[in-house]
Amino acid sequence: MVYIKEAHPENGWVVSSNRAQGIMVTDPISDNERREVATECSLKLDIRIPVLLDALNDRVACAYGAWPDRLYLVSRDGRIAWQGGPGPVGFRPDELESAIRTELSERRGRRIWRDSRRSFA
């Protein structure tokens, strides 16, 4: 997971549902502030996978068209194996789960061989 630019900061586009849930975050202006917000988010949402941080210039969010949220599956060889639609409408974890299952089954079906220098899949 990559934590990117805050979608609904207090000093930006505030939504009433965030306020109703007690979510009041200002848009971070330093890497440390972004780290604090991402940590709080991951704890409150009980996220159990590693959370990486996008830089303040939002390079990852811009490169992947990820704002406000988007799901991707990156294969072990670094290629984009699946891209979900832009969120929140395109945020469909069930489709990501299906893509993960497909990627794993295709990976299991490939022959793996080794030579003295490296492995290939």
C-alpha atoms as a PDB file:
ATOM      1  CA  MET A   1       0.000   0.000   0.000  1.00  0.00           C
ATOM      2  CA  VAL A   2       1.234   3.480  -0.808  1.00  0.00           C
ATOM      3  CA  TYR A   3      -0.181   6.342   1.221  1.00  0.00           C
ATOM      4  CA  ILE A   4      -0.605   9.288  -1.150  1.00  0.00           C
ATOM      5  CA  LYS A   5      -1.950  12.843  -0.936  1.00  0.00           C
ATOM      6  CA  GLU A   6      -4.755  13.260   1.568  1.00  0.00           C
ATOM      7  CA  ALA A   7      -8.096  13.209  -0.285  1.00  0.00           C
ATOM      8  CA  HIS A   8     -10.163  15.264   2.174  1.00  0.00           C
ATOM      9  CA  PRO A   9      -7.948  17.421   4.394  1.00  0.00           C
ATOM     10  CA  GLU A  10      -9.343  20.017   6.786  1.00  0.00           C
ATOM     11  CA  ASN A  11      -7.501  22.689   4.803  1.00  0.00           C
ATOM     12  CA  GLY A  12      -8.985  21.462   1.528  1.00  0.00           C
ATOM     13  CA  TRP A  13     -12.042  19.502   0.418  1.00  0.00           C
ATOM     14  CA  VAL A  14     -13.790  18.649   3.707  1.00  0.00           C
ATOM     15  CA  VAL A  15     -16.548  16.029   3.636  1.00  0.00           C
ATOM     16  CA  SER A  16     -19.188  15.716   6.333  1.00  0.00           C
ATOM     17  CA  SER A  17     -18.789  11.932   6.598  1.00  0.00           C
ATOM     18  CA  ASN A  18     -15.171  12.404   7.744  1.00  0.00           C
ATOM     19  CA  ARG A  19     -16.268  14.861  10.415  1.00  0.00           C
ATOM     20  CA  ALA A  20     -19.027  12.485  11.538  1.00  0.00           C
ATOM     21  CA  GLN A  21     -16.377   9.770  11.990  1.00  0.00           C
ATOM     22  CA  GLY A  22     -13.996  12.116  13.803  1.00  0.00           C
ATOM     23  CA  ILE A  23     -11.511  12.231  10.920  1.00  0.00           C
ATOM     24  CA  MET A  24      -9.930  15.678  10.830  1.00  0.00           C
ATOM     25  CA  VAL A  25      -6.555  15.692   9.089  1.00  0.00           C
ATOM     26  CA  THR A  26      -4.713  18.676   7.687  1.00  0.00           C
ATOM     27  CA  ASP A  27      -2.762  18.169   4.471  1.00  0.00           C
ATOM     28  CA  PRO A  28       0.793  17.241   5.540  1.00  0.00           C
ATOM     29  CA  ILE A  29       3.537  19.727   4.635  1.00  0.00           C
ATOM     30  CA  SER A  30       6.487  17.507   5.581  1.00  0.00           C
ATOM     31  CA  ASP A  31       7.484  13.874   5.158  1.00  0.00           C
ATOM     32  CA  ASN A  32       7.240  13.432   8.923  1.00  0.00           C
ATOM     33  CA  GLU A  33       3.664  14.798   8.999  1.00  0.00           C
ATOM     34  CA  ARG A  34       2.670  12.493   6.134  1.00  0.00           C
ATOM     35  CA  ARG A  35       4.224   9.569   8.025  1.00  0.00           C
ATOM     36  CA  GLU A  36       2.199  10.453  11.143  1.00  0.00           C
ATOM     37  CA  VAL A  37      -1.069  10.664   9.179  1.00  0.00           C
ATOM     38  CA  ALA A  38      -0.340   7.392   7.349  1.00  0.00           C
ATOM     39  CA  THR A  39       0.470   5.665  10.646  1.00  0.00           C
ATOM     40  CA  GLU A  40      -2.757   6.884  12.239  1.00  0.00           C
ATOM     41  CA  CYS A  41      -4.734   5.789   9.169  1.00  0.00           C
ATOM     42  CA  SER A  42      -3.185   2.326   9.105  1.00  0.00           C
ATOM     43  CA  LEU A  43      -3.819   1.831  12.832  1.00  0.00           C
ATOM     44  CA  LYS A  44      -7.446   3.012  12.712  1.00  0.00           C
ATOM     45  CA  LEU A  45      -8.190   0.879   9.643  1.00  0.00           C
ATOM     46  CA  ASP A  46      -6.224  -2.098  11.039  1.00  0.00           C
ATOM     47  CA  ILE A  47      -4.142  -2.320   7.860  1.00  0.00           C
ATOM     48  CA  ARG A  48      -1.920  -5.377   8.120  1.00  0.00           C
ATOM     49  CA  ILE A  49       0.283  -4.928   5.074  1.00  0.00           C
ATOM     50  CA  PRO A  50       3.304  -2.641   4.758  1.00  0.00           C
ATOM     51  CA  VAL A  51       2.423   1.012   4.133  1.00  0.00           C
ATOM     52  CA  LEU A  52       4.834   3.057   2.032  1.00  0.00           C
ATOM     53  CA  LEU A  53       4.715   6.837   1.686  1.00  0.00           C
ATOM     54  CA  ASP A  54       4.513   8.838  -1.502  1.00  0.00           C
ATOM     55  CA  ALA A  55       6.771  11.902  -1.478  1.00  0.00           C
ATOM     56  CA  LEU A  56       5.230  15.317  -0.890  1.00  0.00           C
ATOM     57  CA  ASN A  57       5.494  16.010  -4.635  1.00  0.00           C
ATOM     58  CA  ASP A  58       2.982  13.135  -5.084  1.00  0.00           C
ATOM     59  CA  ARG A  59       5.139  11.462  -7.723  1.00  0.00           C
ATOM     60  CA  VAL A  60       3.580   7.993  -7.272  1.00  0.00           C
ATOM     61  CA  ALA A  61       0.003   9.294  -7.203  1.00  0.00           C
ATOM     62  CA  CYS A  62       0.617  11.242 -10.417  1.00  0.00           C
ATOM     63  CA  ALA A  63       2.423   8.407 -12.209  1.00  0.00           C
ATOM     64  CA  TYR A  64      -0.312   5.873 -11.427  1.00  0.00           C
ATOM     65  CA  GLY A  65      -3.374   8.120 -11.565  1.00  0.00           C
ATOM     66  CA  ALA A  66      -4.023   7.019  -8.007  1.00  0.00           C
ATOM     67  CA  TRP A  67      -5.736  10.030  -6.437  1.00  0.00           C
ATOM     68  CA  PRO A  68      -7.950   9.768  -4.444  1.00  0.00           C
ATOM     69  CA  ASP A  69      -7.451   5.994  -4.421  1.00  0.00           C
ATOM     70  CA  ARG A  70      -6.797   3.152  -6.818  1.00  0.00           C
ATOM     71  CA  LEU A  71      -5.924  -0.517  -6.620  1.00  0.00           C
ATOM     72  CA  TYR A  72      -3.009  -2.082  -8.496  1.00  0.00           C
ATOM     73  CA  LEU A  73      -1.426  -5.492  -8.517  1.00  0.00           C
ATOM     74  CA  VAL A  74       2.289  -5.453  -9.248  1.00  0.00           C
ATOM     75  CA  SER A  75       3.722  -8.828 -10.197  1.00  0.00           C
ATOM     76  CA  ARG A  76       6.931 -10.234  -8.741  1.00  0.00           C
ATOM     77  CA  ASP A  77       8.757  -9.218 -11.919  1.00  0.00           C
ATOM     78  CA  GLY A  78       7.630  -5.591 -11.484  1.00  0.00           C
ATOM     79  CA  ARG A  79       4.998  -5.404 -14.234  1.00  0.00           C
ATOM     80  CA  ILE A  80       1.489  -4.086 -13.641  1.00  0.00           C
ATOM     81  CA  ALA A  81      -0.535  -7.297 -13.575  1.00  0.00           C
ATOM     82  CA  TRP A  82      -3.860  -5.550 -12.918  1.00  0.00           C
ATOM     83  CA  GLN A  83      -5.155  -1.969 -12.654  1.00  0.00           C
ATOM     84  CA  GLY A  84      -8.438  -1.069 -11.022  1.00  0.00           C
ATOM     85  CA  GLY A  85     -10.552   1.917 -11.904  1.00  0.00           C
ATOM     86  CA  PRO A  86     -10.108   5.295 -10.233  1.00  0.00           C
ATOM     87  CA  GLY A  87     -11.743   5.506  -6.819  1.00  0.00           C
ATOM     88  CA  PRO A  88     -13.941   5.738  -5.092  1.00  0.00           C
ATOM     89  CA  VAL A  89     -16.277   4.278  -7.758  1.00  0.00           C
ATOM     90  CA  GLY A  90     -13.557   2.032  -9.208  1.00  0.00           C
ATOM     91  CA  PHE A  91     -12.285   0.884  -5.802  1.00  0.00           C
ATOM     92  CA  ARG A  92     -13.277  -2.780  -5.972  1.00  0.00           C
ATOM     93  CA  PRO A  93     -11.233  -5.042  -3.683  1.00  0.00           C
ATOM     94  CA  ASP A  94     -13.120  -8.132  -4.925  1.00  0.00           C
ATOM     95  CA  GLU A  95     -11.714  -7.549  -8.421  1.00  0.00           C
ATOM     96  CA  LEU A  96      -8.219  -7.204  -6.971  1.00  0.00           C
ATOM     97  CA  GLU A  97      -8.682 -10.484  -5.107  1.00  0.00           C
ATOM     98  CA  SER A  98      -9.646 -12.179  -8.359  1.00  0.00           C
ATOM     99  CA  ALA A  99      -6.590 -10.693 -10.097  1.00  0.00           C
ATOM    100  CA  ILE A 100      -4.340 -11.956  -7.282  1.00  0.00           C
ATOM    101  CA  ARG A 101      -5.782 -15.458  -7.615  1.00  0.00           C
ATOM    102  CA  THR A 102      -5.272 -15.358 -11.386  1.00  0.00           C
ATOM    103  CA  GLU A 103      -1.686 -14.125 -11.043  1.00  0.00           C
ATOM    104  CA  LEU A 104      -0.866 -16.809  -8.484  1.00  0.00           C
ATOM    105  CA  SER A 105      -2.402 -19.597 -10.564  1.00  0.00           C
ATOM    106  CA  GLU A 106      -0.546 -18.436 -13.689  1.00  0.00           C
ATOM    107  CA  ARG A 107       2.684 -18.259 -11.722  1.00  0.00           C
ATOM    108  CA  ARG A 108       2.187 -21.803 -10.401  1.00  0.00           C
ATOM    109  CA  GLY A 109       1.607 -23.010 -13.952  1.00  0.00           C
ATOM    110  CA  ARG A 110       4.946 -21.713 -15.233  1.00  0.00           C
ATOM    111  CA  ARG A 111       7.932 -24.020 -15.304  1.00  0.00           C
ATOM    112  CA  ILE A 112      10.803 -22.877 -13.166  1.00  0.00           C
ATOM    113  CA  TRP A 113      14.341 -23.888 -14.068  1.00  0.00           C
ATOM    114  CA  ARG A 114      17.700 -22.913 -12.656  1.00  0.00           C
ATOM    115  CA  ASP A 115      21.168 -22.610 -14.037  1.00  0.00           C
ATOM    116  CA  SER A 116      24.322 -21.913 -12.080  1.00  0.00           C
ATOM    117  CA  ARG A 117      23.827 -18.130 -12.250  1.00  0.00           C
ATOM    118  CA  ARG A 118      20.124 -17.332 -11.689  1.00  0.00           C
ATOM    119  CA  SER A 119      16.535 -18.544 -11.634  1.00  0.00           C
ATOM    120  CA  PHE A 120      13.897 -17.997 -14.270  1.00  0.00           C
ATOM    121  CA  ALA A 121      10.118 -18.243 -13.942  1.00  0.00           C
END
